[in-house]
Amino acid sequence: MRSVLVAALVALLLGISAVARADLKVVATTPDLAAVASEVGGKHVSVITLALPTQDPHFVDARPHLALDLARADMLVAVGLELEIGWLPTLQSGARNGKINKGGRGYLECAQFVSLLDVPHERIDRSMGDIHPGGNPHYMFDPRRVAKVAAGISTRMVELDPSNAVAYKTGLDHFLVKLEASRQRWEQALSSLRGKHIVSYHRSLTYFADWLGCSISAEVEPKPGIPPSPHDLTIILGIMKSQAVKLVLQEEWYPGSASQMLAEHAGAKLVRVPGGPDYNHGKSYFDFMDTLVMRVKAAL
């Protein structure tokens, strides 16, 4: 009897271990990428995000525990376009994991899958602010482009773990069906934005505006990463009044005083945009976009 109980306990522990073990250990640089990778990979992947939704992804502390996450990773999913240039290379170096370095089989920059906006055609220098020479990296605000990103992630998962290829392709199919239905719902909710003018704090809502057919009249930052002066705000206020701008959008991590002042003087509303899903507490890309759409719709 005792031997039977021991055998049963061992079988149970082995079963728990099998359930807990993922076939692919995935690290994503941002929570929105992590959420997409998790849905595509399903039970065959474990996914960690390096940046939190409360952090500006341009500036993430390169802490040792993040390097440890990368050291254990089979796959690193990055935004690219130098969004993470200030901190990710340091973590990759500390991780000493060649397969997730640039050029490695486990390294995936998702910008390659989308059509890019704000690609500079002139020579770039630091006097222009934090310009991304390859194009605007904030494409995850557009669900049409997210569909392309999900497909790229699925393809790489299949390459790295062919034994679960069917599961990764099925996960992608399920995600795309849900995304298409959600996209139609979001577009209906924000249909009144089409043809309208908005203002954003940072040059991060370009893809959002492209998706919904609205125009960004100005950014509160005179140059990316440069806070506005009183003179800059006066110019923007004039633009808002002349173009009847009624909406100012900015991510939650930026200081809100300048945007709030502009909104109040122009008779507009300020909408604080979430930086991504709270992935570590179980929130999905759909939760993130639902919150964003709800906040914008409430301000219209």
Foldseek 3Di string as FASTA:
>chain_A
DVVVVVVVVVVVVVVVVVQPDAQFEEEEAELQLQQLLCLLCPSRYDYHYQDFLLDQSQDGDQDPVLLCSVLPGQAYEYLDLCSNVVHVVVSPVSSPRVQCPVVHLRDHHLPVQDDFAPQDPDDDDCVQPPDRNGGASQQLLALVSVLSSSVVSLVSVCVSCVVCNVSSVVSSVVVVVVSVVLLVVLLVLCQVQAAAEEEEAAPNCPNVCVRNNHYHQYHCAPHHPHHHDPVSLVVVLVSCQVRVHAEYEYEPNDDCPSVVVSNVSSVHDYFHQGSAFRVVVPGHRSNRSVVRSVRVSVRD
